[in-house]
Amino acid sequence: MNLIIFGPPGAGKGTQAGLIELNYGLKQLSTGDMLRTEIASESELGLKVKDLIAAGHLVSDDIMVDMIAHRIEQEDCKKGFILDGFPRTVAQAKALDHMLASKGKKIDHVIVLVVDETALMKRIQSRIAQSGENARADDTEDVLKNRLQVYNEQTAPILPYYDLKNLLYKIDGMQPIEVVSSEIDSLLEQR
C-alpha cells in the first residue's frame, strides 16, 4: 500500500505518518531526508544533488522522481511507503504516477489533514509562550504564516488532481490525534 499525506505545517502529518508506519509497516519517506541520505552516500545521484544545492539550484523533478524510484526498491519499503513532502506540483504527481506504473505500483490513497489556520496560529503562540527562550528558531508566527502561504499557493492546488482520480480522502486534522488516527485506520482497512 502506497500513500501520500498532505496538510499545512502543524497539521500533524509527521505524527500520523509515524503511526501509520508503526501500525502498517509502511515506510515514511521524507524527500528532505532522502536528499540528505543520498548526498551523504556520495552516490552518483547524491553528488549530482550536492552540486545542484551548492550552486543554489532546486533539485529537478526528474532527479526527485529518480531518487524516489531508487528508495522505494529498498527492503524497508517492501510493504509500501508514505510520501511526505512530495509531490508538490501536478507535474511532479504525473511524473510520480508514470514512474510507479513502470514498476507495477501505484498510489492507493492520498490523505489530507484539513486544519483551521487560525487555530494553528494559536497553537504556535501557545508553544512559543511555553518554550520561552528554548523556542525553536522556526517556531514563530511569521515563519508559520509564510509556510501556510507557500502550502496554499504551491501544494494545495495539487489536491484536485488526486480528487479526480478518486484517491483523495480528507480528515479533520483538528480532532484529537487518536480520532484522526482511527479515521485513517478505517480508510486503510477498507483495502
Protein backbone atom coordinates (compact mmCIF):
# COMPACT_ATOMS: atom_id res chain seq x y z
CA MET A 1 0.00 0.00 0.00
CA ASN A 2 1.41 3.39 -1.01
CA LEU A 3 0.18 6.66 0.45
CA ILE A 4 0.71 10.38 0.19
CA ILE A 5 -0.06 12.59 3.16
CA PHE A 6 -0.80 16.30 2.73
CA GLY A 7 -1.63 19.13 5.07
CA PRO A 8 -0.28 22.51 6.04
CA PRO A 9 2.56 22.90 8.55
CA GLY A 10 1.44 21.91 12.03
CA ALA A 11 -1.41 19.71 10.77
CA GLY A 12 0.09 16.56 12.30
CA LYS A 13 1.38 14.87 9.12
CA GLY A 14 4.55 13.63 10.81
CA THR A 15 2.66 12.29 13.81
CA GLN A 16 0.11 10.44 11.66
CA ALA A 17 2.74 9.14 9.22
CA GLY A 18 4.70 7.78 12.19
CA LEU A 19 1.61 5.97 13.49
CA ILE A 20 0.86 4.52 10.04
CA GLU A 21 4.46 3.37 9.77
CA LEU A 22 4.25 1.70 13.17
CA ASN A 23 0.83 0.08 12.64
CA TYR A 24 1.09 -1.00 8.99
CA GLY A 25 4.80 -1.46 8.34
CA LEU A 26 4.83 1.18 5.61
CA LYS A 27 7.96 3.34 5.39
CA GLN A 28 7.63 7.10 5.81
CA LEU A 29 9.67 8.81 3.12
CA SER A 30 10.57 12.46 3.54
CA THR A 31 12.16 13.90 0.42
CA GLY A 32 14.38 16.15 2.57
CA ASP A 33 15.70 13.12 4.44
CA MET A 34 16.19 11.23 1.17
CA LEU A 35 18.20 14.12 -0.28
CA ARG A 36 20.47 14.26 2.78
CA THR A 37 20.97 10.47 2.74
CA GLU A 38 21.75 10.44 -0.98
CA ILE A 39 24.29 13.24 -0.56
CA ALA A 40 25.92 11.50 2.42
CA SER A 41 26.21 8.24 0.46
CA GLU A 42 28.22 10.06 -2.22
CA SER A 43 26.38 8.05 -4.87
CA GLU A 44 26.36 9.38 -8.43
CA LEU A 45 22.89 10.82 -7.79
CA GLY A 46 23.99 12.19 -4.41
CA LEU A 47 26.96 14.01 -5.93
CA LYS A 48 24.71 15.49 -8.62
CA VAL A 49 22.25 16.70 -5.97
CA LYS A 50 25.07 18.09 -3.82
CA ASP A 51 26.41 20.12 -6.76
CA LEU A 52 22.94 21.48 -7.58
CA ILE A 53 22.25 22.53 -4.00
CA ALA A 54 25.73 24.02 -3.61
CA ALA A 55 25.09 26.14 -6.72
CA GLY A 56 21.78 27.34 -5.22
CA HIS A 57 19.58 25.44 -7.69
CA LEU A 58 16.43 23.48 -6.96
CA VAL A 59 16.57 19.73 -7.44
CA SER A 60 14.68 18.92 -10.66
CA ASP A 61 11.52 16.83 -10.76
CA ASP A 62 13.37 14.16 -12.76
CA ILE A 63 16.05 13.80 -10.10
CA MET A 64 13.48 13.72 -7.29
CA VAL A 65 11.47 11.01 -9.05
CA ASP A 66 14.68 9.02 -9.75
CA MET A 67 15.61 9.29 -6.08
CA ILE A 68 12.16 8.07 -5.00
CA ALA A 69 12.33 5.25 -7.59
CA HIS A 70 15.61 4.11 -6.08
CA ARG A 71 14.39 4.47 -2.49
CA ILE A 72 11.14 2.51 -2.87
CA GLU A 73 13.10 -0.51 -4.11
CA GLN A 74 14.81 -0.88 -0.74
CA GLU A 75 13.78 -3.65 1.64
CA ASP A 76 12.09 -1.38 4.20
CA CYS A 77 9.61 -0.22 1.53
CA LYS A 78 8.53 -3.75 0.63
CA LYS A 79 5.10 -3.34 2.29
CA GLY A 80 4.69 0.15 0.88
CA PHE A 81 5.50 3.76 1.63
CA ILE A 82 4.12 7.08 2.81
CA LEU A 83 5.31 10.13 0.88
CA ASP A 84 5.57 13.34 2.87
CA GLY A 85 6.76 16.47 1.06
CA PHE A 86 6.33 15.14 -2.47
CA PRO A 87 4.73 15.71 -4.89
CA ARG A 88 4.24 19.46 -4.68
CA THR A 89 3.03 20.13 -8.23
CA VAL A 90 0.79 18.38 -10.75
CA ALA A 91 3.83 17.84 -12.98
CA GLN A 92 5.55 16.02 -10.10
CA ALA A 93 2.40 13.98 -9.43
CA LYS A 94 2.21 12.89 -13.07
CA ALA A 95 5.93 12.03 -13.12
CA LEU A 96 5.48 10.02 -9.91
CA ASP A 97 2.47 8.16 -11.36
CA HIS A 98 4.42 7.35 -14.53
CA MET A 99 7.43 6.06 -12.57
CA LEU A 100 5.26 3.94 -10.27
CA ALA A 101 3.33 2.49 -13.22
CA SER A 102 6.63 1.46 -14.81
CA LYS A 103 7.30 -0.57 -11.64
CA GLY A 104 3.78 -2.02 -11.45
CA LYS A 105 2.95 0.17 -8.45
CA LYS A 106 0.52 3.00 -7.75
CA ILE A 107 -0.62 5.45 -5.10
CA ASP A 108 -3.50 3.85 -3.20
CA HIS A 109 -4.66 6.77 -1.04
CA VAL A 110 -3.97 10.48 -0.67
CA ILE A 111 -4.74 11.66 2.84
CA VAL A 112 -5.27 15.36 3.50
CA LEU A 113 -5.29 16.65 7.06
CA VAL A 114 -7.59 19.66 6.99
CA VAL A 115 -6.96 22.22 9.71
CA ASP A 116 -8.12 25.65 10.79
CA GLU A 117 -5.28 28.08 10.16
CA THR A 118 -6.37 30.41 12.97
CA ALA A 119 -6.18 27.50 15.42
CA LEU A 120 -2.71 26.63 14.08
CA MET A 121 -1.58 30.18 14.84
CA LYS A 122 -2.93 29.82 18.38
CA ARG A 123 -1.01 26.52 18.77
CA ILE A 124 2.21 28.25 17.74
CA GLN A 125 1.57 31.18 20.09
CA SER A 126 0.95 28.74 22.94
CA ARG A 127 4.08 26.74 22.10
CA ILE A 128 6.18 29.92 22.00
CA ALA A 129 4.77 31.05 25.35
CA GLN A 130 5.51 27.65 26.93
CA SER A 131 9.01 27.34 25.42
CA GLY A 132 10.22 30.82 26.25
CA GLU A 133 13.93 31.04 25.48
CA ASN A 134 14.02 27.40 24.36
CA ALA A 135 11.67 28.01 21.42
CA ARG A 136 12.72 26.60 18.06
CA ALA A 137 14.09 29.20 15.65
CA ASP A 138 11.39 28.33 13.09
CA ASP A 139 8.58 28.34 15.67
CA THR A 140 7.38 31.86 15.06
CA GLU A 141 4.15 33.36 13.80
CA ASP A 142 5.90 34.94 10.81
CA VAL A 143 7.51 31.66 9.76
CA LEU A 144 4.19 29.81 10.12
CA LYS A 145 2.35 32.48 8.10
CA ASN A 146 4.92 32.16 5.33
CA ARG A 147 4.80 28.34 5.35
CA LEU A 148 0.99 28.40 5.25
CA GLN A 149 1.08 30.80 2.30
CA VAL A 150 3.54 28.57 0.44
CA TYR A 151 1.37 25.50 1.14
CA ASN A 152 -1.83 27.24 -0.02
CA GLU A 153 -0.24 28.65 -3.17
CA GLN A 154 2.01 25.79 -4.23
CA THR A 155 0.90 22.49 -2.70
CA ALA A 156 -2.88 22.73 -2.15
CA PRO A 157 -3.54 23.21 -5.91
CA ILE A 158 -2.40 19.60 -6.50
CA LEU A 159 -5.34 18.20 -4.50
CA PRO A 160 -7.88 18.36 -7.37
CA TYR A 161 -5.56 16.13 -9.43
CA TYR A 162 -5.89 13.35 -6.87
CA ASP A 163 -9.58 14.09 -6.27
CA LEU A 164 -10.31 13.45 -9.97
CA LYS A 165 -8.57 10.07 -9.58
CA ASN A 166 -10.82 9.25 -6.57
CA LEU A 167 -7.80 8.90 -4.30
CA LEU A 168 -8.32 11.94 -2.06
CA TYR A 169 -9.52 11.39 1.50
CA LYS A 170 -9.95 14.45 3.74
CA ILE A 171 -9.72 14.16 7.51
CA ASP A 172 -10.38 16.87 10.08
CA GLY A 173 -6.89 17.34 11.50
CA MET A 174 -8.22 19.47 14.36
CA GLN A 175 -9.56 16.36 16.11
CA PRO A 176 -7.52 14.62 18.81
CA ILE A 177 -4.59 12.55 17.47
CA GLU A 178 -6.34 9.28 18.33
CA VAL A 179 -9.50 10.23 16.41
CA VAL A 180 -7.52 11.26 13.33
CA SER A 181 -5.55 8.02 13.55
CA SER A 182 -8.77 6.00 13.88
CA GLU A 183 -10.23 7.63 10.75
CA ILE A 184 -7.03 6.83 8.85
CA ASP A 185 -7.22 3.22 10.08
CA SER A 186 -10.81 2.98 8.80
CA LEU A 187 -9.66 4.14 5.38
CA LEU A 188 -6.67 1.80 5.20
CA GLU A 189 -8.61 -1.21 6.44
CA GLN A 190 -11.12 -0.86 3.59
CA ARG A 191 -8.47 -2.29 1.26
